[in-house]
PDB file of N, CA and C in Angstrom:
ATOM      1  N   UNK A   1      31.565  74.259  20.032  1.00  0.00           N
ATOM      2  CA  UNK A   1      32.355  73.115  19.619  1.00  0.00           C
ATOM      3  C   UNK A   1      31.589  72.352  18.546  1.00  0.00           C
ATOM      4  N   UNK A   2      32.177  72.196  17.405  1.00  0.00           N
ATOM      5  CA  UNK A   2      31.542  71.479  16.299  1.00  0.00           C
ATOM      6  C   UNK A   2      31.811  69.979  16.469  1.00  0.00           C
ATOM      7  N   UNK A   3      30.725  69.185  16.416  1.00  0.00           N
ATOM      8  CA  UNK A   3      30.790  67.740  16.634  1.00  0.00           C
ATOM      9  C   UNK A   3      30.307  67.018  15.384  1.00  0.00           C
ATOM     10  N   UNK A   4      31.009  65.970  15.017  1.00  0.00           N
ATOM     11  CA  UNK A   4      30.593  65.098  13.921  1.00  0.00           C
ATOM     12  C   UNK A   4      30.052  63.820  14.543  1.00  0.00           C
ATOM     13  N   UNK A   5      28.804  63.499  14.267  1.00  0.00           N
ATOM     14  CA  UNK A   5      28.177  62.282  14.790  1.00  0.00           C
ATOM     15  C   UNK A   5      28.100  61.251  13.673  1.00  0.00           C
ATOM     16  N   UNK A   6      28.457  60.010  14.010  1.00  0.00           N
ATOM     17  CA  UNK A   6      28.480  58.938  13.025  1.00  0.00           C
ATOM     18  C   UNK A   6      27.624  57.762  13.472  1.00  0.00           C
ATOM     19  N   UNK A   7      26.932  57.172  12.513  1.00  0.00           N
ATOM     20  CA  UNK A   7      26.214  55.917  12.723  1.00  0.00           C
ATOM     21  C   UNK A   7      26.912  54.915  11.816  1.00  0.00           C
ATOM     22  N   UNK A   8      27.905  54.228  12.381  1.00  0.00           N
ATOM     23  CA  UNK A   8      28.773  53.362  11.594  1.00  0.00           C
ATOM     24  C   UNK A   8      28.066  52.082  11.168  1.00  0.00           C
ATOM     25  N   UNK A   9      28.300  51.722   9.915  1.00  0.00           N
ATOM     26  CA  UNK A   9      27.863  50.444   9.377  1.00  0.00           C
ATOM     27  C   UNK A   9      28.949  49.935   8.461  1.00  0.00           C
ATOM     28  N   UNK A  10      29.010  48.638   8.271  1.00  0.00           N
ATOM     29  CA  UNK A  10      30.083  48.089   7.445  1.00  0.00           C
ATOM     30  C   UNK A  10      29.961  48.521   5.989  1.00  0.00           C
ATOM     31  N   UNK A  11      28.744  48.744   5.503  1.00  0.00           N
ATOM     32  CA  UNK A  11      28.542  49.162   4.113  1.00  0.00           C
ATOM     33  C   UNK A  11      28.539  50.683   3.966  1.00  0.00           C
ATOM     34  N   UNK A  12      27.922  51.378   4.920  1.00  0.00           N
ATOM     35  CA  UNK A  12      27.819  52.841   4.848  1.00  0.00           C
ATOM     36  C   UNK A  12      27.752  53.406   6.255  1.00  0.00           C
ATOM     37  N   UNK A  13      28.105  54.671   6.360  1.00  0.00           N
ATOM     38  CA  UNK A  13      28.091  55.354   7.650  1.00  0.00           C
ATOM     39  C   UNK A  13      27.266  56.623   7.535  1.00  0.00           C
ATOM     40  N   UNK A  14      26.261  56.736   8.393  1.00  0.00           N
ATOM     41  CA  UNK A  14      25.456  57.947   8.453  1.00  0.00           C
ATOM     42  C   UNK A  14      26.218  59.037   9.193  1.00  0.00           C
ATOM     43  N   UNK A  15      26.045  60.286   8.755  1.00  0.00           N
ATOM     44  CA  UNK A  15      26.796  61.402   9.321  1.00  0.00           C
ATOM     45  C   UNK A  15      25.882  62.591   9.596  1.00  0.00           C
ATOM     46  N   UNK A  16      26.207  63.311  10.664  1.00  0.00           N
ATOM     47  CA  UNK A  16      25.535  64.572  10.972  1.00  0.00           C
ATOM     48  C   UNK A  16      26.575  65.489  11.604  1.00  0.00           C
ATOM     49  N   UNK A  17      26.440  66.768  11.338  1.00  0.00           N
ATOM     50  CA  UNK A  17      27.377  67.756  11.874  1.00  0.00           C
ATOM     51  C   UNK A  17      26.600  68.746  12.733  1.00  0.00           C
ATOM     52  N   UNK A  18      27.184  69.119  13.860  1.00  0.00           N
ATOM     53  CA  UNK A  18      26.518  70.095  14.720  1.00  0.00           C
ATOM     54  C   UNK A  18      26.867  71.508  14.266  1.00  0.00           C
ATOM     55  N   UNK A  19      26.062  72.449  14.724  1.00  0.00           N
ATOM     56  CA  UNK A  19      26.421  73.847  14.519  1.00  0.00           C
ATOM     57  C   UNK A  19      27.599  74.167  15.448  1.00  0.00           C
ATOM     58  N   UNK A  20      28.218  75.329  15.300  1.00  0.00           N
ATOM     59  CA  UNK A  20      29.384  75.636  16.138  1.00  0.00           C
ATOM     60  C   UNK A  20      29.110  75.607  17.643  1.00  0.00           C
ATOM     61  N   UNK A  21      27.855  75.827  18.051  1.00  0.00           N
ATOM     62  CA  UNK A  21      27.543  75.794  19.486  1.00  0.00           C
ATOM     63  C   UNK A  21      27.389  74.362  20.000  1.00  0.00           C
ATOM     64  N   UNK A  22      27.304  73.383  19.083  1.00  0.00           N
ATOM     65  CA  UNK A  22      27.108  71.996  19.484  1.00  0.00           C
ATOM     66  C   UNK A  22      25.675  71.691  19.868  1.00  0.00           C
ATOM     67  N   UNK A  23      24.746  72.567  19.495  1.00  0.00           N
ATOM     68  CA  UNK A  23      23.354  72.426  19.903  1.00  0.00           C
ATOM     69  C   UNK A  23      22.489  71.748  18.850  1.00  0.00           C
ATOM     70  N   UNK A  24      22.555  72.213  17.616  1.00  0.00           N
ATOM     71  CA  UNK A  24      21.725  71.686  16.536  1.00  0.00           C
ATOM     72  C   UNK A  24      22.578  70.894  15.563  1.00  0.00           C
ATOM     73  N   UNK A  25      21.971  69.874  14.962  1.00  0.00           N
ATOM     74  CA  UNK A  25      22.730  69.091  13.994  1.00  0.00           C
ATOM     75  C   UNK A  25      22.024  69.067  12.649  1.00  0.00           C
ATOM     76  N   UNK A  26      22.837  68.865  11.624  1.00  0.00           N
ATOM     77  CA  UNK A  26      22.355  68.798  10.248  1.00  0.00           C
ATOM     78  C   UNK A  26      22.882  67.514   9.633  1.00  0.00           C
ATOM     79  N   UNK A  27      22.010  66.747   8.983  1.00  0.00           N
ATOM     80  CA  UNK A  27      22.497  65.523   8.344  1.00  0.00           C
ATOM     81  C   UNK A  27      23.430  65.845   7.180  1.00  0.00           C
ATOM     82  N   UNK A  28      24.379  64.955   6.972  1.00  0.00           N
ATOM     83  CA  UNK A  28      25.298  65.016   5.837  1.00  0.00           C
ATOM     84  C   UNK A  28      25.070  63.771   4.989  1.00  0.00           C
ATOM     85  N   UNK A  29      25.547  63.781   3.765  1.00  0.00           N
ATOM     86  CA  UNK A  29      25.446  62.551   2.966  1.00  0.00           C
ATOM     87  C   UNK A  29      26.178  61.395   3.649  1.00  0.00           C
ATOM     88  N   UNK A  30      25.702  60.190   3.402  1.00  0.00           N
ATOM     89  CA  UNK A  30      26.348  59.015   3.986  1.00  0.00           C
ATOM     90  C   UNK A  30      27.715  58.807   3.350  1.00  0.00           C
ATOM     91  N   UNK A  31      28.579  58.170   4.095  1.00  0.00           N
ATOM     92  CA  UNK A  31      29.886  57.759   3.583  1.00  0.00           C
ATOM     93  C   UNK A  31      29.713  56.321   3.111  1.00  0.00           C
ATOM     94  N   UNK A  32      29.992  56.120   1.836  1.00  0.00           N
ATOM     95  CA  UNK A  32      29.799  54.790   1.266  1.00  0.00           C
ATOM     96  C   UNK A  32      30.921  54.499   0.285  1.00  0.00           C
ATOM     97  N   UNK A  33      31.761  53.545   0.543  1.00  0.00           N
ATOM     98  CA  UNK A  33      31.789  52.634   1.691  1.00  0.00           C
ATOM     99  C   UNK A  33      32.355  53.339   2.928  1.00  0.00           C
ATOM    100  N   UNK A  34      32.167  52.721   4.083  1.00  0.00           N
ATOM    101  CA  UNK A  34      32.642  53.285   5.343  1.00  0.00           C
ATOM    102  C   UNK A  34      34.165  53.250   5.389  1.00  0.00           C
ATOM    103  N   UNK A  35      34.765  54.440   5.441  1.00  0.00           N
ATOM    104  CA  UNK A  35      36.222  54.541   5.486  1.00  0.00           C
ATOM    105  C   UNK A  35      36.638  55.646   6.447  1.00  0.00           C
ATOM    106  N   UNK A  36      37.639  55.370   7.254  1.00  0.00           N
ATOM    107  CA  UNK A  36      38.156  56.356   8.195  1.00  0.00           C
ATOM    108  C   UNK A  36      38.696  57.582   7.457  1.00  0.00           C
ATOM    109  N   UNK A  37      39.304  57.364   6.311  1.00  0.00           N
ATOM    110  CA  UNK A  37      39.863  58.472   5.522  1.00  0.00           C
ATOM    111  C   UNK A  37      38.770  59.477   5.142  1.00  0.00           C
ATOM    112  N   UNK A  38      37.590  58.990   4.779  1.00  0.00           N
ATOM    113  CA  UNK A  38      36.476  59.872   4.421  1.00  0.00           C
ATOM    114  C   UNK A  38      36.004  60.680   5.623  1.00  0.00           C
ATOM    115  N   UNK A  39      36.023  60.068   6.800  1.00  0.00           N
ATOM    116  CA  UNK A  39      35.661  60.795   8.022  1.00  0.00           C
ATOM    117  C   UNK A  39      36.693  61.886   8.279  1.00  0.00           C
ATOM    118  N   UNK A  40      37.960  61.580   8.086  1.00  0.00           N
ATOM    119  CA  UNK A  40      39.020  62.573   8.290  1.00  0.00           C
ATOM    120  C   UNK A  40      38.829  63.774   7.371  1.00  0.00           C
ATOM    121  N   UNK A  41      38.358  63.544   6.152  1.00  0.00           N
ATOM    122  CA  UNK A  41      38.089  64.644   5.227  1.00  0.00           C
ATOM    123  C   UNK A  41      36.972  65.540   5.756  1.00  0.00           C
ATOM    124  N   UNK A  42      35.922  64.943   6.334  1.00  0.00           N
ATOM    125  CA  UNK A  42      34.833  65.734   6.920  1.00  0.00           C
ATOM    126  C   UNK A  42      35.325  66.530   8.125  1.00  0.00           C
ATOM    127  N   UNK A  43      36.157  65.914   8.929  1.00  0.00           N
ATOM    128  CA  UNK A  43      36.711  66.587  10.109  1.00  0.00           C
ATOM    129  C   UNK A  43      37.469  67.841   9.677  1.00  0.00           C
ATOM    130  N   UNK A  44      38.280  67.719   8.640  1.00  0.00           N
ATOM    131  CA  UNK A  44      39.040  68.866   8.155  1.00  0.00           C
ATOM    132  C   UNK A  44      38.124  69.919   7.528  1.00  0.00           C
ATOM    133  N   UNK A  45      37.183  69.473   6.698  1.00  0.00           N
ATOM    134  CA  UNK A  45      36.300  70.401   5.987  1.00  0.00           C
ATOM    135  C   UNK A  45      35.462  71.249   6.942  1.00  0.00           C
ATOM    136  N   UNK A  46      34.924  70.623   7.989  1.00  0.00           N
ATOM    137  CA  UNK A  46      34.018  71.321   8.907  1.00  0.00           C
ATOM    138  C   UNK A  46      34.682  71.790  10.193  1.00  0.00           C
ATOM    139  N   UNK A  47      35.997  71.620  10.288  1.00  0.00           N
ATOM    140  CA  UNK A  47      36.747  72.026  11.489  1.00  0.00           C
ATOM    141  C   UNK A  47      36.134  71.411  12.751  1.00  0.00           C
ATOM    142  N   UNK A  48      35.941  70.117  12.692  1.00  0.00           N
ATOM    143  CA  UNK A  48      35.326  69.356  13.775  1.00  0.00           C
ATOM    144  C   UNK A  48      36.304  69.251  14.956  1.00  0.00           C
ATOM    145  N   UNK A  49      35.753  69.345  16.171  1.00  0.00           N
ATOM    146  CA  UNK A  49      36.570  69.247  17.372  1.00  0.00           C
ATOM    147  C   UNK A  49      36.363  67.944  18.139  1.00  0.00           C
ATOM    148  N   UNK A  50      35.325  67.184  17.772  1.00  0.00           N
ATOM    149  CA  UNK A  50      35.041  65.915  18.438  1.00  0.00           C
ATOM    150  C   UNK A  50      34.211  65.044  17.514  1.00  0.00           C
ATOM    151  N   UNK A  51      34.472  63.736  17.542  1.00  0.00           N
ATOM    152  CA  UNK A  51      33.688  62.777  16.773  1.00  0.00           C
ATOM    153  C   UNK A  51      32.991  61.852  17.767  1.00  0.00           C
ATOM    154  N   UNK A  52      31.697  61.669  17.568  1.00  0.00           N
ATOM    155  CA  UNK A  52      30.905  60.769  18.403  1.00  0.00           C
ATOM    156  C   UNK A  52      30.352  59.678  17.492  1.00  0.00           C
ATOM    157  N   UNK A  53      30.574  58.427  17.886  1.00  0.00           N
ATOM    158  CA  UNK A  53      30.138  57.285  17.090  1.00  0.00           C
ATOM    159  C   UNK A  53      29.133  56.480  17.907  1.00  0.00           C
ATOM    160  N   UNK A  54      27.959  56.241  17.340  1.00  0.00           N
ATOM    161  CA  UNK A  54      26.942  55.447  18.034  1.00  0.00           C
ATOM    162  C   UNK A  54      27.415  54.012  18.220  1.00  0.00           C
ATOM    163  N   UNK A  55      27.300  53.517  19.440  1.00  0.00           N
ATOM    164  CA  UNK A  55      27.723  52.151  19.769  1.00  0.00           C
ATOM    165  C   UNK A  55      26.474  51.285  19.942  1.00  0.00           C
ATOM    166  N   UNK A  56      26.236  50.346  19.024  1.00  0.00           N
ATOM    167  CA  UNK A  56      25.009  49.543  19.056  1.00  0.00           C
ATOM    168  C   UNK A  56      25.094  48.373  20.039  1.00  0.00           C
ATOM    169  N   UNK A  57      24.745  48.651  21.272  1.00  0.00           N
ATOM    170  CA  UNK A  57      24.737  47.611  22.302  1.00  0.00           C
ATOM    171  C   UNK A  57      23.392  46.904  22.332  1.00  0.00           C
ATOM    172  N   UNK A  58      23.400  45.661  22.823  1.00  0.00           N
ATOM    173  CA  UNK A  58      22.140  44.959  23.062  1.00  0.00           C
ATOM    174  C   UNK A  58      21.436  45.642  24.229  1.00  0.00           C
ATOM    175  N   UNK A  59      20.135  45.450  24.350  1.00  0.00           N
ATOM    176  CA  UNK A  59      19.401  46.069  25.456  1.00  0.00           C
ATOM    177  C   UNK A  59      19.975  45.693  26.808  1.00  0.00           C
ATOM    178  N   UNK A  60      20.593  44.515  26.905  1.00  0.00           N
ATOM    179  CA  UNK A  60      21.205  44.070  28.155  1.00  0.00           C
ATOM    180  C   UNK A  60      22.500  44.813  28.456  1.00  0.00           C
ATOM    181  N   UNK A  61      23.018  45.555  27.472  1.00  0.00           N
ATOM    182  CA  UNK A  61      24.283  46.259  27.642  1.00  0.00           C
ATOM    183  C   UNK A  61      25.470  45.494  27.084  1.00  0.00           C
ATOM    184  N   UNK A  62      25.231  44.259  26.669  1.00  0.00           N
ATOM    185  CA  UNK A  62      26.314  43.454  26.105  1.00  0.00           C
ATOM    186  C   UNK A  62      26.639  43.922  24.691  1.00  0.00           C
ATOM    187  N   UNK A  63      27.895  43.684  24.312  1.00  0.00           N
ATOM    188  CA  UNK A  63      28.332  44.041  22.972  1.00  0.00           C
ATOM    189  C   UNK A  63      28.243  42.833  22.056  1.00  0.00           C
ATOM    190  N   UNK A  64      27.686  43.044  20.877  1.00  0.00           N
ATOM    191  CA  UNK A  64      27.632  42.011  19.864  1.00  0.00           C
ATOM    192  C   UNK A  64      28.682  42.264  18.798  1.00  0.00           C
ATOM    193  N   UNK A  65      28.539  41.591  17.682  1.00  0.00           N
ATOM    194  CA  UNK A  65      29.543  41.700  16.622  1.00  0.00           C
ATOM    195  C   UNK A  65      29.575  43.096  16.009  1.00  0.00           C
ATOM    196  N   UNK A  66      28.423  43.754  15.844  1.00  0.00           N
ATOM    197  CA  UNK A  66      28.422  45.100  15.257  1.00  0.00           C
ATOM    198  C   UNK A  66      29.089  46.102  16.195  1.00  0.00           C
ATOM    199  N   UNK A  67      28.903  45.951  17.492  1.00  0.00           N
ATOM    200  CA  UNK A  67      29.572  46.843  18.444  1.00  0.00           C
ATOM    201  C   UNK A  67      31.086  46.660  18.372  1.00  0.00           C
ATOM    202  N   UNK A  68      31.529  45.421  18.216  1.00  0.00           N
ATOM    203  CA  UNK A  68      32.972  45.166  18.091  1.00  0.00           C
ATOM    204  C   UNK A  68      33.529  45.824  16.831  1.00  0.00           C
ATOM    205  N   UNK A  69      32.803  45.724  15.722  1.00  0.00           N
ATOM    206  CA  UNK A  69      33.233  46.380  14.488  1.00  0.00           C
ATOM    207  C   UNK A  69      33.262  47.898  14.653  1.00  0.00           C
ATOM    208  N   UNK A  70      32.290  48.436  15.369  1.00  0.00           N
ATOM    209  CA  UNK A  70      32.234  49.875  15.612  1.00  0.00           C
ATOM    210  C   UNK A  70      33.428  50.321  16.447  1.00  0.00           C
ATOM    211  N   UNK A  71      33.767  49.561  17.480  1.00  0.00           N
ATOM    212  CA  UNK A  71      34.943  49.909  18.301  1.00  0.00           C
ATOM    213  C   UNK A  71      36.227  49.868  17.466  1.00  0.00           C
ATOM    214  N   UNK A  72      36.330  48.906  16.564  1.00  0.00           N
ATOM    215  CA  UNK A  72      37.497  48.831  15.681  1.00  0.00           C
ATOM    216  C   UNK A  72      37.572  50.073  14.800  1.00  0.00           C
ATOM    217  N   UNK A  73      36.429  50.510  14.276  1.00  0.00           N
ATOM    218  CA  UNK A  73      36.386  51.717  13.455  1.00  0.00           C
ATOM    219  C   UNK A  73      36.807  52.931  14.284  1.00  0.00           C
ATOM    220  N   UNK A  74      36.353  53.018  15.527  1.00  0.00           N
ATOM    221  CA  UNK A  74      36.753  54.119  16.411  1.00  0.00           C
ATOM    222  C   UNK A  74      38.271  54.131  16.605  1.00  0.00           C
ATOM    223  N   UNK A  75      38.860  52.965  16.771  1.00  0.00           N
ATOM    224  CA  UNK A  75      40.314  52.863  16.932  1.00  0.00           C
ATOM    225  C   UNK A  75      41.026  53.362  15.675  1.00  0.00           C
ATOM    226  N   UNK A  76      40.494  53.003  14.500  1.00  0.00           N
ATOM    227  CA  UNK A  76      41.061  53.496  13.236  1.00  0.00           C
ATOM    228  C   UNK A  76      40.988  55.016  13.169  1.00  0.00           C
ATOM    229  N   UNK A  77      39.852  55.583  13.576  1.00  0.00           N
ATOM    230  CA  UNK A  77      39.703  57.036  13.561  1.00  0.00           C
ATOM    231  C   UNK A  77      40.687  57.708  14.516  1.00  0.00           C
ATOM    232  N   UNK A  78      40.808  57.157  15.713  1.00  0.00           N
ATOM    233  CA  UNK A  78      41.732  57.738  16.691  1.00  0.00           C
ATOM    234  C   UNK A  78      43.160  57.761  16.174  1.00  0.00           C
ATOM    235  N   UNK A  79      43.524  56.769  15.361  1.00  0.00           N
ATOM    236  CA  UNK A  79      44.888  56.680  14.836  1.00  0.00           C
ATOM    237  C   UNK A  79      45.185  57.770  13.810  1.00  0.00           C
ATOM    238  N   UNK A  80      44.147  58.289  13.121  1.00  0.00           N
ATOM    239  CA  UNK A  80      44.413  59.283  12.083  1.00  0.00           C
ATOM    240  C   UNK A  80      43.924  60.688  12.424  1.00  0.00           C
ATOM    241  N   UNK A  81      43.129  60.831  13.473  1.00  0.00           N
ATOM    242  CA  UNK A  81      42.622  62.143  13.868  1.00  0.00           C
ATOM    243  C   UNK A  81      43.349  62.651  15.106  1.00  0.00           C
ATOM    244  N   UNK A  82      43.416  63.948  15.241  1.00  0.00           N
ATOM    245  CA  UNK A  82      44.031  64.551  16.425  1.00  0.00           C
ATOM    246  C   UNK A  82      42.982  65.175  17.334  1.00  0.00           C
ATOM    247  N   UNK A  83      41.794  64.585  17.334  1.00  0.00           N
ATOM    248  CA  UNK A  83      40.697  65.059  18.169  1.00  0.00           C
ATOM    249  C   UNK A  83      40.072  63.860  18.873  1.00  0.00           C
ATOM    250  N   UNK A  84      39.306  64.109  19.940  1.00  0.00           N
ATOM    251  CA  UNK A  84      38.669  62.989  20.640  1.00  0.00           C
ATOM    252  C   UNK A  84      37.655  62.250  19.768  1.00  0.00           C
ATOM    253  N   UNK A  85      37.648  60.929  19.901  1.00  0.00           N
ATOM    254  CA  UNK A  85      36.665  60.060  19.254  1.00  0.00           C
ATOM    255  C   UNK A  85      35.998  59.280  20.376  1.00  0.00           C
ATOM    256  N   UNK A  86      34.679  59.425  20.495  1.00  0.00           N
ATOM    257  CA  UNK A  86      33.947  58.780  21.580  1.00  0.00           C
ATOM    258  C   UNK A  86      32.897  57.826  21.031  1.00  0.00           C
ATOM    259  N   UNK A  87      32.804  56.660  21.631  1.00  0.00           N
ATOM    260  CA  UNK A  87      31.712  55.730  21.332  1.00  0.00           C
ATOM    261  C   UNK A  87      30.586  56.059  22.308  1.00  0.00           C
ATOM    262  N   UNK A  88      29.368  56.184  21.789  1.00  0.00           N
ATOM    263  CA  UNK A  88      28.224  56.580  22.598  1.00  0.00           C
ATOM    264  C   UNK A  88      27.160  55.492  22.557  1.00  0.00           C
ATOM    265  N   UNK A  89      26.759  55.040  23.722  1.00  0.00           N
ATOM    266  CA  UNK A  89      25.716  54.016  23.851  1.00  0.00           C
ATOM    267  C   UNK A  89      24.435  54.548  23.219  1.00  0.00           C
ATOM    268  N   UNK A  90      24.012  53.917  22.119  1.00  0.00           N
ATOM    269  CA  UNK A  90      22.846  54.416  21.405  1.00  0.00           C
ATOM    270  C   UNK A  90      21.562  53.657  21.700  1.00  0.00           C
ATOM    271  N   UNK A  91      21.557  52.796  22.725  1.00  0.00           N
ATOM    272  CA  UNK A  91      20.337  52.033  23.019  1.00  0.00           C
ATOM    273  C   UNK A  91      19.142  52.936  23.250  1.00  0.00           C
ATOM    274  N   UNK A  92      19.290  53.946  24.070  1.00  0.00           N
ATOM    275  CA  UNK A  92      18.166  54.817  24.407  1.00  0.00           C
ATOM    276  C   UNK A  92      17.716  55.626  23.195  1.00  0.00           C
ATOM    277  N   UNK A  93      18.652  56.149  22.414  1.00  0.00           N
ATOM    278  CA  UNK A  93      18.261  56.958  21.266  1.00  0.00           C
ATOM    279  C   UNK A  93      17.528  56.121  20.227  1.00  0.00           C
ATOM    280  N   UNK A  94      17.924  54.862  20.062  1.00  0.00           N
ATOM    281  CA  UNK A  94      17.222  53.984  19.132  1.00  0.00           C
ATOM    282  C   UNK A  94      15.797  53.755  19.597  1.00  0.00           C
ATOM    283  N   UNK A  95      15.616  53.505  20.878  1.00  0.00           N
ATOM    284  CA  UNK A  95      14.272  53.278  21.424  1.00  0.00           C
ATOM    285  C   UNK A  95      13.412  54.535  21.278  1.00  0.00           C
ATOM    286  N   UNK A  96      14.002  55.712  21.509  1.00  0.00           N
ATOM    287  CA  UNK A  96      13.255  56.957  21.371  1.00  0.00           C
ATOM    288  C   UNK A  96      12.832  57.165  19.917  1.00  0.00           C
ATOM    289  N   UNK A  97      13.717  56.877  18.976  1.00  0.00           N
ATOM    290  CA  UNK A  97      13.386  57.033  17.551  1.00  0.00           C
ATOM    291  C   UNK A  97      12.260  56.094  17.154  1.00  0.00           C
ATOM    292  N   UNK A  98      12.320  54.864  17.628  1.00  0.00           N
ATOM    293  CA  UNK A  98      11.259  53.909  17.320  1.00  0.00           C
ATOM    294  C   UNK A  98       9.928  54.388  17.876  1.00  0.00           C
ATOM    295  N   UNK A  99       9.954  54.898  19.085  1.00  0.00           N
ATOM    296  CA  UNK A  99       8.720  55.366  19.714  1.00  0.00           C
ATOM    297  C   UNK A  99       8.152  56.580  18.981  1.00  0.00           C
ATOM    298  N   UNK A 100       9.025  57.466  18.518  1.00  0.00           N
ATOM    299  CA  UNK A 100       8.548  58.690  17.865  1.00  0.00           C
ATOM    300  C   UNK A 100       7.895  58.414  16.522  1.00  0.00           C
ATOM    301  N   UNK A 101       8.281  57.340  15.861  1.00  0.00           N
ATOM    302  CA  UNK A 101       7.661  57.037  14.574  1.00  0.00           C
ATOM    303  C   UNK A 101       6.598  55.956  14.709  1.00  0.00           C
ATOM    304  N   UNK A 102       6.291  55.559  15.947  1.00  0.00           N
ATOM    305  CA  UNK A 102       5.215  54.609  16.178  1.00  0.00           C
ATOM    306  C   UNK A 102       5.572  53.175  15.879  1.00  0.00           C
ATOM    307  N   UNK A 103       6.848  52.879  15.753  1.00  0.00           N
ATOM    308  CA  UNK A 103       7.274  51.504  15.458  1.00  0.00           C
ATOM    309  C   UNK A 103       7.347  50.702  16.739  1.00  0.00           C
ATOM    310  N   UNK A 104       7.044  49.412  16.669  1.00  0.00           N
ATOM    311  CA  UNK A 104       7.212  48.593  17.866  1.00  0.00           C
ATOM    312  C   UNK A 104       8.685  48.513  18.230  1.00  0.00           C
ATOM    313  N   UNK A 105       8.964  48.340  19.495  1.00  0.00           N
ATOM    314  CA  UNK A 105      10.344  48.255  19.954  1.00  0.00           C
ATOM    315  C   UNK A 105      11.039  47.060  19.335  1.00  0.00           C
ATOM    316  N   UNK A 106      12.273  47.266  18.958  1.00  0.00           N
ATOM    317  CA  UNK A 106      13.047  46.196  18.319  1.00  0.00           C
ATOM    318  C   UNK A 106      13.164  45.006  19.241  1.00  0.00           C
ATOM    319  N   UNK A 107      12.847  43.859  18.724  1.00  0.00           N
ATOM    320  CA  UNK A 107      13.012  42.631  19.483  1.00  0.00           C
ATOM    321  C   UNK A 107      11.942  42.375  20.522  1.00  0.00           C
ATOM    322  N   UNK A 108      10.991  43.277  20.675  1.00  0.00           N
ATOM    323  CA  UNK A 108       9.950  43.096  21.679  1.00  0.00           C
ATOM    324  C   UNK A 108       8.616  42.875  20.983  1.00  0.00           C
ATOM    325  N   UNK A 109       7.820  41.936  21.494  1.00  0.00           N
ATOM    326  CA  UNK A 109       6.524  41.696  20.873  1.00  0.00           C
ATOM    327  C   UNK A 109       5.565  42.842  21.140  1.00  0.00           C
ATOM    328  N   UNK A 110       4.542  42.929  20.344  1.00  0.00           N
ATOM    329  CA  UNK A 110       3.519  43.929  20.599  1.00  0.00           C
ATOM    330  C   UNK A 110       3.315  44.839  19.417  1.00  0.00           C
ATOM    331  N   UNK A 111       2.413  45.742  19.604  1.00  0.00           N
ATOM    332  CA  UNK A 111       2.065  46.677  18.544  1.00  0.00           C
ATOM    333  C   UNK A 111       2.675  48.035  18.837  1.00  0.00           C
ATOM    334  N   UNK A 112       2.674  48.895  17.832  1.00  0.00           N
ATOM    335  CA  UNK A 112       3.156  50.258  18.030  1.00  0.00           C
ATOM    336  C   UNK A 112       2.176  50.995  18.941  1.00  0.00           C
ATOM    337  N   UNK A 113       2.633  52.110  19.500  1.00  0.00           N
ATOM    338  CA  UNK A 113       1.758  52.880  20.380  1.00  0.00           C
ATOM    339  C   UNK A 113       0.548  53.410  19.610  1.00  0.00           C
ATOM    340  N   UNK A 114       0.721  53.726  18.326  1.00  0.00           N
ATOM    341  CA  UNK A 114      -0.403  54.191  17.509  1.00  0.00           C
ATOM    342  C   UNK A 114      -1.444  53.091  17.374  1.00  0.00           C
ATOM    343  N   UNK A 115      -0.982  51.850  17.092  1.00  0.00           N
ATOM    344  CA  UNK A 115      -1.922  50.733  16.967  1.00  0.00           C
ATOM    345  C   UNK A 115      -2.677  50.512  18.276  1.00  0.00           C
ATOM    346  N   UNK A 116      -1.996  50.625  19.402  1.00  0.00           N
ATOM    347  CA  UNK A 116      -2.654  50.437  20.688  1.00  0.00           C
ATOM    348  C   UNK A 116      -3.713  51.517  20.935  1.00  0.00           C
ATOM    349  N   UNK A 117      -3.383  52.761  20.550  1.00  0.00           N
ATOM    350  CA  UNK A 117      -4.366  53.859  20.738  1.00  0.00           C
ATOM    351  C   UNK A 117      -5.587  53.633  19.862  1.00  0.00           C
ATOM    352  N   UNK A 118      -5.365  53.186  18.626  1.00  0.00           N
ATOM    353  CA  UNK A 118      -6.487  52.979  17.711  1.00  0.00           C
ATOM    354  C   UNK A 118      -7.378  51.842  18.186  1.00  0.00           C
ATOM    355  N   UNK A 119      -6.812  50.864  18.848  1.00  0.00           N
ATOM    356  CA  UNK A 119      -7.631  49.755  19.337  1.00  0.00           C
ATOM    357  C   UNK A 119      -8.491  50.167  20.509  1.00  0.00           C
ATOM    358  N   UNK A 120      -8.077  51.164  21.280  1.00  0.00           N
ATOM    359  CA  UNK A 120      -8.855  51.599  22.435  1.00  0.00           C
ATOM    360  C   UNK A 120     -10.061  52.280  21.983  1.00  0.00           C
TER     361      UNK A 120
END
């Protein structure tokens, strides 16, 4: 099953497409400006069977203004696509990405794990 993953933003949307097995993904050029019509073109071009959109929740699980905009974009996609569109809680993936590049956690005080190791 080929999946299109989106990181929606009001100015631009990051995109990645999975291989046909749904196992590996490859980045695609960003969509700029963010438009549902452009996503529909990718869905047709790559014969996508599912769209997954990262939902930027606060660490507490609450939705802020960007999450509301993302849900609105998902609704727009559902109206023009004939495939499932899912919002995916991206809190954990964001934290994992920050940790992998040694960045301090967003909104939390402290140093990166690399800085802590170097101080020891």
